[in-house]
Amino acid sequence: VRKRPSASAGLRYKVLALPPKFPLSTRSSERAEPSMAYSLRGKPSVPRPIKAGILPLRTDEMGRTANFITREDHPIWDKKD
């Protein structure tokens, strides 16, 4: 067995609950489709923008989750739930 550094070392994740068929924009009536994956990106002008991944489901009757994966020192960990 060879020991190798892991790129995922030091990463943490946070989960945000979303309602079923959540709106994709405040400017339109378009809604998320359960079978589609989505990637949300924060403002590029922010020093450390954040990304959220939303995986597809067969149905999202119970809602879906957005998953944030960041390094331990990211400001998101200072936010309260």
PDB file of N, CA and C in Angstrom:
ATOM      1  N   VAL A   1       0.843  -1.173   0.000  1.00  0.00           N
ATOM      2  CA  VAL A   1       0.000   0.000   0.000  1.00  0.00           C
ATOM      3  C   VAL A   1       0.888   1.235   0.000  1.00  0.00           C
ATOM      4  N   ARG A   2       0.583   2.157  -0.904  1.00  0.00           N
ATOM      5  CA  ARG A   2       1.338   3.409  -0.968  1.00  0.00           C
ATOM      6  C   ARG A   2       0.520   4.539  -0.355  1.00  0.00           C
ATOM      7  N   LYS A   3       1.168   5.349   0.412  1.00  0.00           N
ATOM      8  CA  LYS A   3       0.511   6.491   1.038  1.00  0.00           C
ATOM      9  C   LYS A   3       0.599   7.682   0.089  1.00  0.00           C
ATOM     10  N   ARG A   4      -0.545   8.298  -0.210  1.00  0.00           N
ATOM     11  CA  ARG A   4      -0.591   9.459  -1.104  1.00  0.00           C
ATOM     12  C   ARG A   4      -1.460  10.549  -0.475  1.00  0.00           C
ATOM     13  N   PRO A   5      -1.128  11.797  -0.733  1.00  0.00           N
ATOM     14  CA  PRO A   5      -1.973  12.880  -0.195  1.00  0.00           C
ATOM     15  C   PRO A   5      -3.339  12.885  -0.892  1.00  0.00           C
ATOM     16  N   SER A   6      -4.360  13.231  -0.151  1.00  0.00           N
ATOM     17  CA  SER A   6      -5.712  13.268  -0.697  1.00  0.00           C
ATOM     18  C   SER A   6      -6.134  14.714  -0.935  1.00  0.00           C
ATOM     19  N   ALA A   7      -6.652  14.970  -2.127  1.00  0.00           N
ATOM     20  CA  ALA A   7      -7.139  16.320  -2.443  1.00  0.00           C
ATOM     21  C   ALA A   7      -8.358  16.692  -1.603  1.00  0.00           C
ATOM     22  N   SER A   8      -9.063  15.692  -1.091  1.00  0.00           N
ATOM     23  CA  SER A   8     -10.263  15.966  -0.302  1.00  0.00           C
ATOM     24  C   SER A   8      -9.957  16.201   1.177  1.00  0.00           C
ATOM     25  N   ALA A   9      -8.713  16.050   1.570  1.00  0.00           N
ATOM     26  CA  ALA A   9      -8.347  16.240   2.982  1.00  0.00           C
ATOM     27  C   ALA A   9      -8.677  17.667   3.419  1.00  0.00           C
ATOM     28  N   GLY A  10      -9.309  17.777   4.555  1.00  0.00           N
ATOM     29  CA  GLY A  10      -9.624  19.099   5.079  1.00  0.00           C
ATOM     30  C   GLY A  10     -10.922  19.687   4.559  1.00  0.00           C
ATOM     31  N   LEU A  11     -11.681  18.950   3.755  1.00  0.00           N
ATOM     32  CA  LEU A  11     -12.946  19.473   3.235  1.00  0.00           C
ATOM     33  C   LEU A  11     -14.089  19.154   4.194  1.00  0.00           C
ATOM     34  N   ARG A  12     -15.064  20.061   4.199  1.00  0.00           N
ATOM     35  CA  ARG A  12     -16.268  19.863   5.004  1.00  0.00           C
ATOM     36  C   ARG A  12     -17.463  20.109   4.100  1.00  0.00           C
ATOM     37  N   TYR A  13     -18.631  19.614   4.503  1.00  0.00           N
ATOM     38  CA  TYR A  13     -19.816  19.869   3.696  1.00  0.00           C
ATOM     39  C   TYR A  13     -20.973  20.352   4.563  1.00  0.00           C
ATOM     40  N   LYS A  14     -21.854  21.094   3.914  1.00  0.00           N
ATOM     41  CA  LYS A  14     -23.054  21.613   4.561  1.00  0.00           C
ATOM     42  C   LYS A  14     -24.210  21.365   3.596  1.00  0.00           C
ATOM     43  N   VAL A  15     -25.372  21.042   4.121  1.00  0.00           N
ATOM     44  CA  VAL A  15     -26.529  20.704   3.294  1.00  0.00           C
ATOM     45  C   VAL A  15     -27.637  21.731   3.526  1.00  0.00           C
ATOM     46  N   LEU A  16     -28.209  22.206   2.430  1.00  0.00           N
ATOM     47  CA  LEU A  16     -29.320  23.160   2.477  1.00  0.00           C
ATOM     48  C   LEU A  16     -30.556  22.469   1.926  1.00  0.00           C
ATOM     49  N   ALA A  17     -31.639  22.411   2.705  1.00  0.00           N
ATOM     50  CA  ALA A  17     -32.891  21.785   2.259  1.00  0.00           C
ATOM     51  C   ALA A  17     -33.639  22.729   1.320  1.00  0.00           C
ATOM     52  N   LEU A  18     -34.089  22.193   0.197  1.00  0.00           N
ATOM     53  CA  LEU A  18     -34.831  22.964  -0.794  1.00  0.00           C
ATOM     54  C   LEU A  18     -36.232  22.372  -0.954  1.00  0.00           C
ATOM     55  N   PRO A  19     -37.218  23.205  -1.267  1.00  0.00           N
ATOM     56  CA  PRO A  19     -38.571  22.691  -1.469  1.00  0.00           C
ATOM     57  C   PRO A  19     -38.673  21.930  -2.797  1.00  0.00           C
ATOM     58  N   PRO A  20     -39.721  21.102  -2.964  1.00  0.00           N
ATOM     59  CA  PRO A  20     -39.919  20.425  -4.247  1.00  0.00           C
ATOM     60  C   PRO A  20     -40.072  21.440  -5.382  1.00  0.00           C
ATOM     61  N   LYS A  21     -39.506  21.118  -6.524  1.00  0.00           N
ATOM     62  CA  LYS A  21     -39.581  21.986  -7.718  1.00  0.00           C
ATOM     63  C   LYS A  21     -39.308  23.447  -7.375  1.00  0.00           C
ATOM     64  N   PHE A  22     -38.184  23.674  -6.721  1.00  0.00           N
ATOM     65  CA  PHE A  22     -37.815  25.027  -6.300  1.00  0.00           C
ATOM     66  C   PHE A  22     -37.632  25.942  -7.520  1.00  0.00           C
ATOM     67  N   PRO A  23     -37.866  27.260  -7.366  1.00  0.00           N
ATOM     68  CA  PRO A  23     -37.701  28.193  -8.487  1.00  0.00           C
ATOM     69  C   PRO A  23     -36.223  28.310  -8.880  1.00  0.00           C
ATOM     70  N   LEU A  24     -35.963  28.389 -10.172  1.00  0.00           N
ATOM     71  CA  LEU A  24     -34.592  28.526 -10.663  1.00  0.00           C
ATOM     72  C   LEU A  24     -34.141  29.975 -10.734  1.00  0.00           C
ATOM     73  N   SER A  25     -35.073  30.896 -10.718  1.00  0.00           N
ATOM     74  CA  SER A  25     -34.737  32.314 -10.824  1.00  0.00           C
ATOM     75  C   SER A  25     -35.839  33.147 -10.191  1.00  0.00           C
ATOM     76  N   THR A  26     -35.470  34.316  -9.717  1.00  0.00           N
ATOM     77  CA  THR A  26     -36.479  35.251  -9.212  1.00  0.00           C
ATOM     78  C   THR A  26     -37.077  36.047 -10.372  1.00  0.00           C
ATOM     79  N   ARG A  27     -36.473  35.933 -11.557  1.00  0.00           N
ATOM     80  CA  ARG A  27     -36.905  36.704 -12.715  1.00  0.00           C
ATOM     81  C   ARG A  27     -37.830  35.942 -13.659  1.00  0.00           C
ATOM     82  N   SER A  28     -38.042  34.642 -13.399  1.00  0.00           N
ATOM     83  CA  SER A  28     -38.923  33.861 -14.271  1.00  0.00           C
ATOM     84  C   SER A  28     -39.704  32.848 -13.434  1.00  0.00           C
ATOM     85  N   SER A  29     -40.642  32.178 -14.077  1.00  0.00           N
ATOM     86  CA  SER A  29     -41.456  31.181 -13.373  1.00  0.00           C
ATOM     87  C   SER A  29     -40.889  29.771 -13.554  1.00  0.00           C
ATOM     88  N   GLU A  30     -39.719  29.646 -14.151  1.00  0.00           N
ATOM     89  CA  GLU A  30     -39.111  28.328 -14.399  1.00  0.00           C
ATOM     90  C   GLU A  30     -38.785  27.623 -13.079  1.00  0.00           C
ATOM     91  N   ARG A  31     -39.106  26.328 -13.030  1.00  0.00           N
ATOM     92  CA  ARG A  31     -38.911  25.512 -11.834  1.00  0.00           C
ATOM     93  C   ARG A  31     -37.929  24.383 -12.109  1.00  0.00           C
ATOM     94  N   ALA A  32     -37.290  23.896 -11.071  1.00  0.00           N
ATOM     95  CA  ALA A  32     -36.332  22.796 -11.187  1.00  0.00           C
ATOM     96  C   ALA A  32     -37.059  21.502 -11.544  1.00  0.00           C
ATOM     97  N   GLU A  33     -36.430  20.708 -12.379  1.00  0.00           N
ATOM     98  CA  GLU A  33     -36.940  19.389 -12.741  1.00  0.00           C
ATOM     99  C   GLU A  33     -36.220  18.353 -11.883  1.00  0.00           C
ATOM    100  N   PRO A  34     -36.941  17.405 -11.284  1.00  0.00           N
ATOM    101  CA  PRO A  34     -36.308  16.415 -10.406  1.00  0.00           C
ATOM    102  C   PRO A  34     -35.199  15.606 -11.073  1.00  0.00           C
ATOM    103  N   SER A  35     -35.331  15.317 -12.370  1.00  0.00           N
ATOM    104  CA  SER A  35     -34.356  14.468 -13.059  1.00  0.00           C
ATOM    105  C   SER A  35     -33.108  15.209 -13.519  1.00  0.00           C
ATOM    106  N   MET A  36     -33.039  16.501 -13.270  1.00  0.00           N
ATOM    107  CA  MET A  36     -31.893  17.311 -13.700  1.00  0.00           C
ATOM    108  C   MET A  36     -30.951  17.595 -12.532  1.00  0.00           C
ATOM    109  N   ALA A  37     -29.658  17.600 -12.828  1.00  0.00           N
ATOM    110  CA  ALA A  37     -28.650  18.022 -11.850  1.00  0.00           C
ATOM    111  C   ALA A  37     -28.417  19.520 -12.059  1.00  0.00           C
ATOM    112  N   TYR A  38     -28.116  20.217 -10.984  1.00  0.00           N
ATOM    113  CA  TYR A  38     -27.873  21.659 -11.063  1.00  0.00           C
ATOM    114  C   TYR A  38     -26.596  22.004 -10.301  1.00  0.00           C
ATOM    115  N   SER A  39     -25.929  23.037 -10.775  1.00  0.00           N
ATOM    116  CA  SER A  39     -24.762  23.563 -10.089  1.00  0.00           C
ATOM    117  C   SER A  39     -24.974  25.061  -9.938  1.00  0.00           C
ATOM    118  N   LEU A  40     -25.004  25.535  -8.718  1.00  0.00           N
ATOM    119  CA  LEU A  40     -25.200  26.958  -8.437  1.00  0.00           C
ATOM    120  C   LEU A  40     -23.861  27.558  -8.065  1.00  0.00           C
ATOM    121  N   ARG A  41     -23.557  28.694  -8.626  1.00  0.00           N
ATOM    122  CA  ARG A  41     -22.278  29.339  -8.359  1.00  0.00           C
ATOM    123  C   ARG A  41     -22.491  30.715  -7.750  1.00  0.00           C
ATOM    124  N   GLY A  42     -21.646  31.038  -6.781  1.00  0.00           N
ATOM    125  CA  GLY A  42     -21.719  32.342  -6.133  1.00  0.00           C
ATOM    126  C   GLY A  42     -21.124  33.432  -7.008  1.00  0.00           C
ATOM    127  N   LYS A  43     -21.158  34.640  -6.510  1.00  0.00           N
ATOM    128  CA  LYS A  43     -20.623  35.783  -7.236  1.00  0.00           C
ATOM    129  C   LYS A  43     -19.128  35.610  -7.497  1.00  0.00           C
ATOM    130  N   PRO A  44     -18.692  35.765  -8.742  1.00  0.00           N
ATOM    131  CA  PRO A  44     -17.262  35.617  -9.024  1.00  0.00           C
ATOM    132  C   PRO A  44     -16.419  36.750  -8.431  1.00  0.00           C
ATOM    133  N   SER A  45     -17.049  37.867  -8.086  1.00  0.00           N
ATOM    134  CA  SER A  45     -16.311  39.000  -7.533  1.00  0.00           C
ATOM    135  C   SER A  45     -15.928  38.794  -6.067  1.00  0.00           C
ATOM    136  N   VAL A  46     -16.523  37.806  -5.421  1.00  0.00           N
ATOM    137  CA  VAL A  46     -16.218  37.499  -4.028  1.00  0.00           C
ATOM    138  C   VAL A  46     -14.872  36.769  -3.994  1.00  0.00           C
ATOM    139  N   PRO A  47     -14.010  37.075  -3.015  1.00  0.00           N
ATOM    140  CA  PRO A  47     -12.691  36.436  -2.979  1.00  0.00           C
ATOM    141  C   PRO A  47     -12.735  34.909  -3.002  1.00  0.00           C
ATOM    142  N   ARG A  48     -13.686  34.307  -2.332  1.00  0.00           N
ATOM    143  CA  ARG A  48     -13.791  32.847  -2.310  1.00  0.00           C
ATOM    144  C   ARG A  48     -15.233  32.452  -2.614  1.00  0.00           C
ATOM    145  N   PRO A  49     -15.635  32.516  -3.902  1.00  0.00           N
ATOM    146  CA  PRO A  49     -17.028  32.182  -4.238  1.00  0.00           C
ATOM    147  C   PRO A  49     -17.351  30.739  -3.882  1.00  0.00           C
ATOM    148  N   ILE A  50     -18.602  30.513  -3.600  1.00  0.00           N
ATOM    149  CA  ILE A  50     -19.031  29.176  -3.189  1.00  0.00           C
ATOM    150  C   ILE A  50     -19.868  28.542  -4.299  1.00  0.00           C
ATOM    151  N   LYS A  51     -19.867  27.227  -4.357  1.00  0.00           N
ATOM    152  CA  LYS A  51     -20.662  26.480  -5.327  1.00  0.00           C
ATOM    153  C   LYS A  51     -21.527  25.480  -4.573  1.00  0.00           C
ATOM    154  N   ALA A  52     -22.706  25.221  -5.116  1.00  0.00           N
ATOM    155  CA  ALA A  52     -23.600  24.214  -4.544  1.00  0.00           C
ATOM    156  C   ALA A  52     -23.964  23.223  -5.633  1.00  0.00           C
ATOM    157  N   GLY A  53     -23.935  21.955  -5.283  1.00  0.00           N
ATOM    158  CA  GLY A  53     -24.333  20.913  -6.210  1.00  0.00           C
ATOM    159  C   GLY A  53     -25.669  20.330  -5.798  1.00  0.00           C
ATOM    160  N   ILE A  54     -26.562  20.137  -6.782  1.00  0.00           N
ATOM    161  CA  ILE A  54     -27.878  19.565  -6.530  1.00  0.00           C
ATOM    162  C   ILE A  54     -28.021  18.354  -7.445  1.00  0.00           C
ATOM    163  N   LEU A  55     -28.049  17.175  -6.850  1.00  0.00           N
ATOM    164  CA  LEU A  55     -28.088  15.936  -7.618  1.00  0.00           C
ATOM    165  C   LEU A  55     -29.505  15.597  -8.066  1.00  0.00           C
ATOM    166  N   PRO A  56     -29.645  14.879  -9.193  1.00  0.00           N
ATOM    167  CA  PRO A  56     -30.977  14.510  -9.675  1.00  0.00           C
ATOM    168  C   PRO A  56     -31.614  13.418  -8.821  1.00  0.00           C
ATOM    169  N   LEU A  57     -32.933  13.393  -8.841  1.00  0.00           N
ATOM    170  CA  LEU A  57     -33.723  12.372  -8.148  1.00  0.00           C
ATOM    171  C   LEU A  57     -34.808  11.874  -9.095  1.00  0.00           C
ATOM    172  N   ARG A  58     -35.350  10.716  -8.802  1.00  0.00           N
ATOM    173  CA  ARG A  58     -36.462  10.217  -9.600  1.00  0.00           C
ATOM    174  C   ARG A  58     -37.679  11.125  -9.386  1.00  0.00           C
ATOM    175  N   THR A  59     -37.905  11.507  -8.143  1.00  0.00           N
ATOM    176  CA  THR A  59     -38.994  12.415  -7.791  1.00  0.00           C
ATOM    177  C   THR A  59     -38.519  13.283  -6.637  1.00  0.00           C
ATOM    178  N   ASP A  60     -39.006  14.495  -6.557  1.00  0.00           N
ATOM    179  CA  ASP A  60     -38.592  15.361  -5.444  1.00  0.00           C
ATOM    180  C   ASP A  60     -39.789  15.791  -4.599  1.00  0.00           C
ATOM    181  N   GLU A  61     -40.735  14.869  -4.401  1.00  0.00           N
ATOM    182  CA  GLU A  61     -41.923  15.159  -3.601  1.00  0.00           C
ATOM    183  C   GLU A  61     -41.570  15.656  -2.203  1.00  0.00           C
ATOM    184  N   MET A  62     -40.480  15.143  -1.658  1.00  0.00           N
ATOM    185  CA  MET A  62     -40.050  15.537  -0.314  1.00  0.00           C
ATOM    186  C   MET A  62     -39.074  16.714  -0.339  1.00  0.00           C
ATOM    187  N   GLY A  63     -38.739  17.216  -1.514  1.00  0.00           N
ATOM    188  CA  GLY A  63     -37.755  18.279  -1.632  1.00  0.00           C
ATOM    189  C   GLY A  63     -36.385  17.710  -1.972  1.00  0.00           C
ATOM    190  N   ARG A  64     -35.428  18.579  -2.135  1.00  0.00           N
ATOM    191  CA  ARG A  64     -34.069  18.183  -2.491  1.00  0.00           C
ATOM    192  C   ARG A  64     -33.088  18.905  -1.596  1.00  0.00           C
ATOM    193  N   THR A  65     -31.825  18.560  -1.753  1.00  0.00           N
ATOM    194  CA  THR A  65     -30.795  19.244  -0.973  1.00  0.00           C
ATOM    195  C   THR A  65     -29.728  19.817  -1.894  1.00  0.00           C
ATOM    196  N   ALA A  66     -29.196  20.956  -1.497  1.00  0.00           N
ATOM    197  CA  ALA A  66     -28.037  21.551  -2.157  1.00  0.00           C
ATOM    198  C   ALA A  66     -26.853  21.280  -1.242  1.00  0.00           C
ATOM    199  N   ASN A  67     -25.771  20.784  -1.803  1.00  0.00           N
ATOM    200  CA  ASN A  67     -24.607  20.399  -1.011  1.00  0.00           C
ATOM    201  C   ASN A  67     -23.446  21.346  -1.272  1.00  0.00           C
ATOM    202  N   PHE A  68     -22.942  21.932  -0.200  1.00  0.00           N
ATOM    203  CA  PHE A  68     -21.801  22.834  -0.273  1.00  0.00           C
ATOM    204  C   PHE A  68     -20.582  22.086   0.270  1.00  0.00           C
ATOM    205  N   ILE A  69     -19.519  22.015  -0.501  1.00  0.00           N
ATOM    206  CA  ILE A  69     -18.299  21.352  -0.053  1.00  0.00           C
ATOM    207  C   ILE A  69     -17.169  22.380  -0.147  1.00  0.00           C
ATOM    208  N   THR A  70     -16.562  22.678   0.994  1.00  0.00           N
ATOM    209  CA  THR A  70     -15.528  23.713   1.049  1.00  0.00           C
ATOM    210  C   THR A  70     -14.394  23.292   1.980  1.00  0.00           C
ATOM    211  N   ARG A  71     -13.364  24.079   1.971  1.00  0.00           N
ATOM    212  CA  ARG A  71     -12.255  23.868   2.909  1.00  0.00           C
ATOM    213  C   ARG A  71     -12.699  24.299   4.313  1.00  0.00           C
ATOM    214  N   GLU A  72     -11.988  23.818   5.295  1.00  0.00           N
ATOM    215  CA  GLU A  72     -12.336  24.090   6.702  1.00  0.00           C
ATOM    216  C   GLU A  72     -12.359  25.574   7.051  1.00  0.00           C
ATOM    217  N   ASP A  73     -11.554  26.375   6.364  1.00  0.00           N
ATOM    218  CA  ASP A  73     -11.435  27.790   6.724  1.00  0.00           C
ATOM    219  C   ASP A  73     -12.347  28.708   5.906  1.00  0.00           C
ATOM    220  N   HIS A  74     -13.323  28.166   5.190  1.00  0.00           N
ATOM    221  CA  HIS A  74     -14.225  28.993   4.383  1.00  0.00           C
ATOM    222  C   HIS A  74     -15.202  29.738   5.295  1.00  0.00           C
ATOM    223  N   PRO A  75     -15.577  30.983   4.951  1.00  0.00           N
ATOM    224  CA  PRO A  75     -16.500  31.774   5.784  1.00  0.00           C
ATOM    225  C   PRO A  75     -17.887  31.156   5.972  1.00  0.00           C
ATOM    226  N   ILE A  76     -18.296  30.203   5.142  1.00  0.00           N
ATOM    227  CA  ILE A  76     -19.623  29.587   5.318  1.00  0.00           C
ATOM    228  C   ILE A  76     -19.747  28.926   6.682  1.00  0.00           C
ATOM    229  N   TRP A  77     -18.657  28.490   7.261  1.00  0.00           N
ATOM    230  CA  TRP A  77     -18.716  27.802   8.551  1.00  0.00           C
ATOM    231  C   TRP A  77     -18.968  28.766   9.699  1.00  0.00           C
ATOM    232  N   ASP A  78     -18.864  30.078   9.438  1.00  0.00           N
ATOM    233  CA  ASP A  78     -19.197  31.076  10.445  1.00  0.00           C
ATOM    234  C   ASP A  78     -20.693  31.372  10.479  1.00  0.00           C
ATOM    235  N   LYS A  79     -21.428  30.918   9.454  1.00  0.00           N
ATOM    236  CA  LYS A  79     -22.876  31.163   9.340  1.00  0.00           C
ATOM    237  C   LYS A  79     -23.630  30.184  10.240  1.00  0.00           C
ATOM    238  N   LYS A  80     -24.649  30.672  10.886  1.00  0.00           N
ATOM    239  CA  LYS A  80     -25.495  29.832  11.733  1.00  0.00           C
ATOM    240  C   LYS A  80     -26.615  29.236  10.886  1.00  0.00           C
ATOM    241  N   ASP A  81     -27.063  28.042  11.239  1.00  0.00           N
ATOM    242  CA  ASP A  81     -28.154  27.381  10.510  1.00  0.00           C
ATOM    243  C   ASP A  81     -29.465  28.088  10.711  1.00  0.00           C
TER     244      ASP A  81
END
